[in-house]
N, C-alpha and C. Protein backbone atom coordinates (compact mmCIF):
# COMPACT_ATOMS: atom_id res chain seq x y z
N MET A 1 94.65 95.54 83.87
CA MET A 1 95.14 94.18 84.06
C MET A 1 95.75 93.58 82.73
N LEU A 2 95.13 93.74 81.63
CA LEU A 2 95.71 93.08 80.38
C LEU A 2 96.99 93.52 80.15
N GLU A 3 97.66 94.92 80.50
CA GLU A 3 98.91 95.17 80.47
C GLU A 3 99.76 94.44 81.56
N ALA A 4 99.32 94.03 82.53
CA ALA A 4 99.98 93.25 83.59
C ALA A 4 100.35 91.92 83.05
N LEU A 5 99.18 91.25 82.35
CA LEU A 5 99.09 90.04 81.87
C LEU A 5 100.12 89.93 80.63
N ALA A 6 100.35 90.93 79.96
CA ALA A 6 101.42 91.14 78.89
C ALA A 6 102.75 91.02 79.40
N GLU A 7 102.88 91.76 80.73
CA GLU A 7 104.32 91.61 81.13
C GLU A 7 104.35 90.35 81.64
N ALA A 8 103.40 89.56 82.23
CA ALA A 8 103.71 88.24 82.70
C ALA A 8 104.03 87.17 81.53
N ARG A 9 103.36 87.34 80.42
CA ARG A 9 103.66 86.78 79.23
C ARG A 9 105.30 86.91 78.86
N ARG A 10 105.60 87.97 78.88
CA ARG A 10 107.05 88.47 78.63
C ARG A 10 108.01 87.68 79.59
N ALA A 11 107.68 87.64 80.92
CA ALA A 11 108.48 86.80 81.82
C ALA A 11 108.63 85.43 81.42
N GLY A 12 107.41 84.82 81.07
CA GLY A 12 107.36 83.50 80.81
C GLY A 12 108.19 83.11 79.55
N GLU A 13 108.21 84.07 78.61
CA GLU A 13 108.97 84.04 77.34
C GLU A 13 110.53 83.86 77.65
N LEU A 14 110.94 84.41 78.73
CA LEU A 14 112.29 84.47 79.06
C LEU A 14 112.64 83.47 80.18
N GLY A 15 111.65 82.52 80.36
CA GLY A 15 111.98 81.44 81.28
C GLY A 15 111.74 81.86 82.70
N GLU A 16 111.18 82.98 82.97
CA GLU A 16 110.87 83.40 84.27
C GLU A 16 109.45 83.00 84.74
N VAL A 17 109.25 82.83 85.84
CA VAL A 17 107.68 82.59 86.41
C VAL A 17 106.91 83.67 86.04
N PRO A 18 105.80 83.49 85.07
CA PRO A 18 105.01 84.48 84.54
C PRO A 18 104.22 85.40 85.34
N ILE A 19 105.00 86.24 86.13
CA ILE A 19 104.11 87.24 86.76
C ILE A 19 104.61 88.77 86.16
N GLY A 20 103.27 89.56 86.07
CA GLY A 20 103.62 91.03 85.60
C GLY A 20 102.96 91.93 86.47
N ALA A 21 103.25 93.25 86.40
CA ALA A 21 102.71 94.29 87.23
C ALA A 21 102.86 95.50 86.38
N VAL A 22 101.85 96.34 86.63
CA VAL A 22 102.10 97.69 86.05
C VAL A 22 101.54 98.66 87.15
N VAL A 23 102.03 99.93 87.03
CA VAL A 23 101.69 100.81 88.05
C VAL A 23 100.78 101.95 87.01
N VAL A 24 99.71 102.40 87.48
CA VAL A 24 98.80 103.31 86.53
C VAL A 24 98.59 104.65 87.43
N ARG A 25 98.80 105.75 86.78
CA ARG A 25 98.30 107.10 87.29
C ARG A 25 97.66 107.84 86.34
N GLU A 26 96.41 108.28 86.77
CA GLU A 26 95.55 109.09 86.05
C GLU A 26 95.60 108.49 84.53
N GLY A 27 95.24 107.03 84.62
CA GLY A 27 94.92 106.54 83.35
C GLY A 27 96.22 106.02 82.40
N GLU A 28 97.38 106.45 82.95
CA GLU A 28 98.56 106.36 82.13
C GLU A 28 99.52 105.21 82.74
N VAL A 29 100.11 104.29 82.13
CA VAL A 29 101.00 103.39 82.75
C VAL A 29 102.32 104.22 83.21
N VAL A 30 102.78 104.11 84.27
CA VAL A 30 103.83 104.67 84.68
C VAL A 30 105.13 103.99 85.13
N GLY A 31 104.62 102.69 85.16
CA GLY A 31 105.74 101.69 85.52
C GLY A 31 105.39 100.31 85.07
N ARG A 32 106.20 99.55 84.78
CA ARG A 32 106.05 98.09 84.27
C ARG A 32 107.02 97.11 84.79
N GLY A 33 106.72 95.98 85.15
CA GLY A 33 107.76 94.98 85.48
C GLY A 33 107.19 93.64 85.32
N HIS A 34 108.15 92.74 85.00
CA HIS A 34 107.78 91.28 85.10
C HIS A 34 109.02 90.67 85.87
N ASN A 35 108.79 89.54 86.13
CA ASN A 35 109.91 88.84 87.04
C ASN A 35 111.21 88.60 86.22
N ARG A 36 112.16 88.94 87.06
CA ARG A 36 113.50 88.90 86.26
C ARG A 36 114.54 88.17 87.29
N ARG A 37 114.01 87.47 88.26
CA ARG A 37 115.08 86.97 89.40
C ARG A 37 115.99 85.96 88.82
N GLU A 38 115.68 85.21 87.89
CA GLU A 38 116.87 84.32 87.24
C GLU A 38 117.71 85.01 86.44
N ILE A 39 117.08 85.75 85.40
CA ILE A 39 117.83 86.59 84.47
C ILE A 39 118.98 87.40 85.17
N ASP A 40 118.49 88.16 86.08
CA ASP A 40 119.30 89.25 86.83
C ASP A 40 119.88 88.68 87.89
N GLY A 41 119.82 87.43 88.40
CA GLY A 41 120.48 86.67 89.68
C GLY A 41 120.12 87.65 90.83
N ASP A 42 118.88 88.18 90.91
CA ASP A 42 118.44 89.09 91.87
C ASP A 42 117.30 88.68 92.68
N PRO A 43 117.30 88.27 94.04
CA PRO A 43 116.16 87.82 94.73
C PRO A 43 115.17 88.80 94.61
N LEU A 44 115.43 90.09 94.47
CA LEU A 44 114.49 91.17 94.72
C LEU A 44 113.76 91.67 93.32
N ALA A 45 114.06 91.13 92.28
CA ALA A 45 113.81 91.38 90.91
C ALA A 45 112.22 90.66 90.76
N HIS A 46 111.22 91.03 91.58
CA HIS A 46 109.99 90.67 91.38
C HIS A 46 109.28 91.67 90.51
N ALA A 47 108.36 91.19 89.84
CA ALA A 47 107.56 92.24 88.93
C ALA A 47 107.12 93.51 89.53
N GLU A 48 106.46 93.38 90.80
CA GLU A 48 106.05 94.52 91.57
C GLU A 48 107.13 95.50 91.95
N ILE A 49 108.11 94.93 92.39
CA ILE A 49 109.34 95.82 92.67
C ILE A 49 109.79 96.70 91.52
N LEU A 50 110.13 95.99 90.43
CA LEU A 50 110.45 96.70 89.10
C LEU A 50 109.62 97.74 88.57
N ALA A 51 108.19 97.24 88.87
CA ALA A 51 107.20 98.36 88.25
C ALA A 51 107.18 99.57 89.27
N ILE A 52 107.27 99.25 90.55
CA ILE A 52 107.44 100.52 91.42
C ILE A 52 108.72 101.38 91.33
N ARG A 53 109.81 100.70 91.03
CA ARG A 53 111.01 101.47 90.81
C ARG A 53 110.87 102.35 89.52
N GLU A 54 110.34 101.80 88.48
CA GLU A 54 110.12 102.56 87.24
C GLU A 54 109.13 103.77 87.41
N ALA A 55 108.01 103.44 88.14
CA ALA A 55 106.99 104.46 88.54
C ALA A 55 107.65 105.60 89.16
N ALA A 56 108.35 105.31 90.24
CA ALA A 56 109.09 106.35 91.14
C ALA A 56 109.88 107.24 90.26
N ARG A 57 110.85 106.57 89.45
CA ARG A 57 111.59 107.39 88.35
C ARG A 57 110.71 108.27 87.61
N ARG A 58 109.79 107.77 86.91
CA ARG A 58 108.93 108.56 85.88
C ARG A 58 107.94 109.65 86.67
N VAL A 59 107.64 109.44 87.83
CA VAL A 59 106.87 110.32 88.66
C VAL A 59 107.60 111.37 89.39
N GLY A 60 108.98 110.98 89.48
CA GLY A 60 109.96 111.90 90.04
C GLY A 60 109.95 111.84 91.62
N GLY A 61 109.76 110.76 92.30
CA GLY A 61 109.73 110.62 93.62
C GLY A 61 109.25 109.23 94.16
N TRP A 62 109.52 109.14 95.51
CA TRP A 62 109.13 107.68 95.97
C TRP A 62 107.60 107.57 96.55
N ARG A 63 106.92 108.83 96.46
CA ARG A 63 105.66 108.76 96.92
C ARG A 63 104.67 108.60 95.63
N LEU A 64 104.05 107.40 95.49
CA LEU A 64 103.14 107.07 94.44
C LEU A 64 101.80 107.25 94.80
N SER A 65 101.27 108.29 95.46
CA SER A 65 100.13 108.71 95.77
C SER A 65 99.06 108.83 94.63
N GLY A 66 97.91 108.40 94.59
CA GLY A 66 97.18 108.47 93.30
C GLY A 66 97.35 107.30 92.35
N CYS A 67 98.23 106.28 92.59
CA CYS A 67 98.59 105.33 91.81
C CYS A 67 97.83 103.93 92.04
N THR A 68 97.69 103.11 91.01
CA THR A 68 97.00 101.75 91.10
C THR A 68 98.09 100.88 90.65
N MET A 69 98.33 99.78 91.48
CA MET A 69 99.07 98.61 90.96
C MET A 69 98.20 97.74 90.38
N TYR A 70 98.42 96.93 89.43
CA TYR A 70 97.77 95.91 88.78
C TYR A 70 98.83 94.75 88.74
N ALA A 71 98.60 93.59 89.28
CA ALA A 71 99.51 92.51 89.45
C ALA A 71 98.86 91.16 89.13
N THR A 72 99.61 90.38 88.42
CA THR A 72 98.81 89.14 88.06
C THR A 72 98.78 88.16 89.01
N LEU A 73 99.52 88.34 90.12
CA LEU A 73 99.40 87.36 91.44
C LEU A 73 99.42 88.28 92.58
N GLU A 74 98.91 87.63 93.57
CA GLU A 74 98.84 88.35 94.87
C GLU A 74 100.13 88.52 95.32
N PRO A 75 100.61 89.90 95.63
CA PRO A 75 101.93 90.10 96.24
C PRO A 75 102.51 89.37 97.49
N CYS A 76 103.78 88.88 97.36
CA CYS A 76 104.36 88.41 98.65
C CYS A 76 104.57 89.46 99.57
N PRO A 77 105.14 88.87 100.81
CA PRO A 77 105.32 89.94 101.81
C PRO A 77 106.17 91.09 101.44
N MET A 78 107.48 90.85 100.75
CA MET A 78 108.33 91.80 100.41
C MET A 78 107.65 92.94 99.42
N CYS A 79 106.90 92.42 98.38
CA CYS A 79 106.17 93.34 97.51
C CYS A 79 105.06 94.06 98.26
N ALA A 80 104.34 93.34 99.08
CA ALA A 80 103.17 94.08 99.84
C ALA A 80 103.89 95.29 100.73
N GLY A 81 104.95 94.98 101.45
CA GLY A 81 105.53 95.97 102.10
C GLY A 81 105.99 97.21 101.14
N ALA A 82 106.53 96.75 100.10
CA ALA A 82 106.95 97.89 99.02
C ALA A 82 105.72 98.70 98.53
N LEU A 83 104.59 98.01 98.47
CA LEU A 83 103.37 98.78 98.02
C LEU A 83 103.07 99.82 99.23
N VAL A 84 103.07 99.50 100.38
CA VAL A 84 102.70 100.28 101.46
C VAL A 84 103.74 101.39 101.55
N ASN A 85 104.89 101.16 101.53
CA ASN A 85 105.97 102.10 101.67
C ASN A 85 106.07 103.23 100.44
N SER A 86 105.44 102.85 99.16
CA SER A 86 105.61 103.64 98.17
C SER A 86 104.21 104.40 98.23
N ARG A 87 103.46 104.18 99.01
CA ARG A 87 102.03 104.83 99.25
C ARG A 87 101.15 104.73 98.09
N ILE A 88 101.26 103.57 97.35
CA ILE A 88 100.32 103.33 96.39
C ILE A 88 98.99 103.19 96.91
N GLU A 89 97.89 103.71 96.28
CA GLU A 89 96.60 103.82 96.91
C GLU A 89 95.84 102.59 96.68
N ARG A 90 95.89 101.80 95.61
CA ARG A 90 94.99 100.70 95.31
C ARG A 90 95.79 99.50 94.51
N LEU A 91 95.63 98.41 94.96
CA LEU A 91 96.13 97.15 94.43
C LEU A 91 94.95 96.44 93.76
N VAL A 92 95.20 95.91 92.59
CA VAL A 92 94.35 95.12 91.88
C VAL A 92 95.04 93.79 91.63
N TYR A 93 94.74 92.78 91.92
CA TYR A 93 95.34 91.59 91.53
C TYR A 93 94.62 90.54 91.00
N ALA A 94 95.07 89.52 90.25
CA ALA A 94 94.41 88.56 89.47
C ALA A 94 94.36 87.42 90.47
N ALA A 95 95.24 86.43 90.43
CA ALA A 95 95.10 85.21 91.14
C ALA A 95 95.66 85.41 92.52
N PRO A 96 94.92 84.67 93.65
CA PRO A 96 95.51 84.64 94.87
C PRO A 96 96.81 83.67 94.96
N ASP A 97 97.50 83.85 96.05
CA ASP A 97 98.78 83.01 96.08
C ASP A 97 98.62 82.45 97.52
N PRO A 98 98.13 81.26 97.68
CA PRO A 98 98.06 80.60 99.01
C PRO A 98 99.13 80.16 99.58
N LYS A 99 100.34 80.25 99.10
CA LYS A 99 101.57 79.88 99.38
C LYS A 99 102.58 81.09 99.89
N ALA A 100 102.28 82.06 99.38
CA ALA A 100 103.22 83.35 99.70
C ALA A 100 102.48 84.74 99.64
N GLY A 101 101.12 84.76 99.28
CA GLY A 101 100.46 86.05 99.20
C GLY A 101 100.13 86.63 100.51
N TYR A 102 100.60 87.98 100.61
CA TYR A 102 100.38 88.75 101.88
C TYR A 102 99.48 89.92 101.57
N CYS A 103 98.47 89.71 100.83
CA CYS A 103 97.44 90.81 100.60
C CYS A 103 96.15 90.13 100.80
N GLY A 104 95.99 89.16 101.75
CA GLY A 104 94.65 88.64 102.04
C GLY A 104 94.80 87.00 102.25
N SER A 105 95.64 86.36 101.83
CA SER A 105 95.85 84.97 101.79
C SER A 105 96.48 84.48 103.12
N LEU A 106 97.73 84.64 103.27
CA LEU A 106 98.42 84.40 104.55
C LEU A 106 98.47 85.43 105.54
N GLY A 107 98.39 86.53 105.21
CA GLY A 107 98.33 87.75 106.04
C GLY A 107 97.79 89.05 105.14
N ASN A 108 98.02 90.16 105.66
CA ASN A 108 97.53 91.31 104.95
C ASN A 108 98.26 92.59 105.23
N ILE A 109 99.41 92.60 104.71
CA ILE A 109 100.19 93.70 105.19
C ILE A 109 99.67 95.20 104.66
N VAL A 110 99.13 95.06 103.58
CA VAL A 110 98.52 96.31 102.89
C VAL A 110 97.34 96.99 103.41
N GLN A 111 96.68 96.09 104.27
CA GLN A 111 95.55 96.59 105.00
C GLN A 111 95.80 96.57 106.47
N ASP A 112 96.98 96.44 106.92
CA ASP A 112 97.26 96.23 108.42
C ASP A 112 96.81 97.67 109.19
N PRO A 113 95.99 97.59 110.14
CA PRO A 113 95.75 99.05 110.83
C PRO A 113 96.81 99.53 111.52
N ARG A 114 97.93 98.79 111.97
CA ARG A 114 98.95 99.34 112.60
C ARG A 114 99.92 100.00 111.73
N LEU A 115 99.98 99.91 110.53
CA LEU A 115 100.82 100.68 109.64
C LEU A 115 100.17 102.15 109.26
N ASN A 116 100.97 103.05 108.89
CA ASN A 116 100.51 104.22 108.58
C ASN A 116 99.91 104.57 107.17
N HIS A 117 99.92 103.46 106.52
CA HIS A 117 99.23 103.50 105.04
C HIS A 117 98.72 102.15 104.72
N ARG A 118 97.46 102.25 104.18
CA ARG A 118 96.81 101.09 103.74
C ARG A 118 96.27 101.32 102.41
N LEU A 119 96.19 100.23 101.70
CA LEU A 119 95.60 100.27 100.27
C LEU A 119 94.35 99.74 100.16
N GLU A 120 93.61 100.24 99.30
CA GLU A 120 92.25 99.47 98.76
C GLU A 120 92.66 98.34 97.98
N VAL A 121 91.88 97.14 98.13
CA VAL A 121 92.42 95.99 97.35
C VAL A 121 91.26 95.43 96.65
N THR A 122 91.58 95.09 95.39
CA THR A 122 90.42 94.28 94.60
C THR A 122 91.14 93.09 94.01
N ALA A 123 90.45 92.12 94.36
CA ALA A 123 91.24 90.68 93.91
C ALA A 123 90.35 89.96 93.05
N GLY A 124 90.91 89.28 92.14
CA GLY A 124 90.14 88.20 91.42
C GLY A 124 89.96 88.68 89.99
N VAL A 125 90.70 89.83 89.56
CA VAL A 125 90.41 90.52 88.03
C VAL A 125 91.16 89.72 87.24
N LEU A 126 90.48 88.95 86.29
CA LEU A 126 91.11 88.05 85.28
C LEU A 126 91.86 87.14 85.74
N GLU A 127 91.45 86.54 87.06
CA GLU A 127 92.04 85.41 87.64
C GLU A 127 92.37 84.11 86.91
N GLY A 128 91.44 83.84 86.02
CA GLY A 128 91.41 82.66 85.21
C GLY A 128 92.69 82.81 84.27
N GLU A 129 92.94 83.80 83.59
CA GLU A 129 93.77 84.12 82.56
C GLU A 129 95.21 83.92 83.23
N SER A 130 95.41 84.62 84.41
CA SER A 130 96.60 84.66 85.24
C SER A 130 96.93 83.18 85.61
N ALA A 131 96.01 82.44 86.26
CA ALA A 131 96.27 81.00 86.79
C ALA A 131 96.67 80.14 85.71
N ALA A 132 95.93 80.34 84.64
CA ALA A 132 96.34 79.58 83.37
C ALA A 132 97.53 79.78 82.93
N LEU A 133 98.20 81.05 82.96
CA LEU A 133 99.70 81.25 82.59
C LEU A 133 100.45 80.60 83.57
N LEU A 134 100.19 80.71 84.80
CA LEU A 134 101.04 80.06 85.85
C LEU A 134 101.09 78.48 85.81
N ARG A 135 99.83 77.99 85.64
CA ARG A 135 99.70 76.43 85.53
C ARG A 135 100.37 75.97 84.41
N GLY A 136 100.37 76.67 83.12
CA GLY A 136 100.99 76.22 81.98
C GLY A 136 102.47 76.34 82.15
N PHE A 137 103.07 77.31 82.69
CA PHE A 137 104.61 77.40 82.91
C PHE A 137 104.91 76.38 83.84
N PHE A 138 104.38 75.92 84.86
CA PHE A 138 104.85 74.95 85.74
C PHE A 138 104.55 73.39 85.25
N ALA A 139 103.55 73.34 84.51
CA ALA A 139 103.44 72.14 83.79
C ALA A 139 104.49 71.87 82.67
N SER A 140 105.01 72.87 81.93
CA SER A 140 105.97 72.80 81.10
C SER A 140 107.32 72.48 81.92
N LEU A 141 107.62 73.01 83.06
CA LEU A 141 108.78 72.71 83.77
C LEU A 141 108.84 71.22 84.14
N ARG A 142 107.65 70.76 84.45
CA ARG A 142 107.59 69.25 84.95
C ARG A 142 107.85 68.37 83.80
N GLN A 143 107.61 68.88 82.43
CA GLN A 143 107.86 68.01 81.31
C GLN A 143 109.13 67.92 81.00
N LYS A 144 110.05 68.90 81.35
CA LYS A 144 111.31 69.04 80.86
C LYS A 144 112.30 67.86 81.55
N PRO A 145 113.17 67.15 80.99
CA PRO A 145 114.06 66.36 81.54
C PRO A 145 115.04 67.02 82.47
N TRP A 146 115.36 66.42 83.54
CA TRP A 146 116.34 67.02 84.52
C TRP A 146 117.67 66.90 83.86
N ARG A 147 118.73 67.72 84.09
CA ARG A 147 119.98 67.88 83.51
C ARG A 147 121.02 67.30 84.69
């Protein structure tokens, strides 16, 4: 989770919402990502999607069996669907997202019994650190004058 938090800090330094994610396989980070929606002008450039894409390239295929994703914020429905479709086995996330989280908060795509793949989920790991990054980012935005 510390690696995911480092990715989140990178996003914040770039003016992006500070969310980070890493994919780990056999103790090695095989994919990293941080939010890049503003920089790339891409609505799909979420930290989790970028980390999954890199992991698939490094692993050599789309099936990420045996992998764990660490994310600083509970994934949204799009990212939760990507976790299921990439066959990641485990999700560990820091802070819940009561407005968009779909791994337990608003719904639970990653553990839906109707789907052909489900993930093990662990929530709340380093939640305080992740939540503080997000609070600080949005507080600084509120301080800026409108242009």
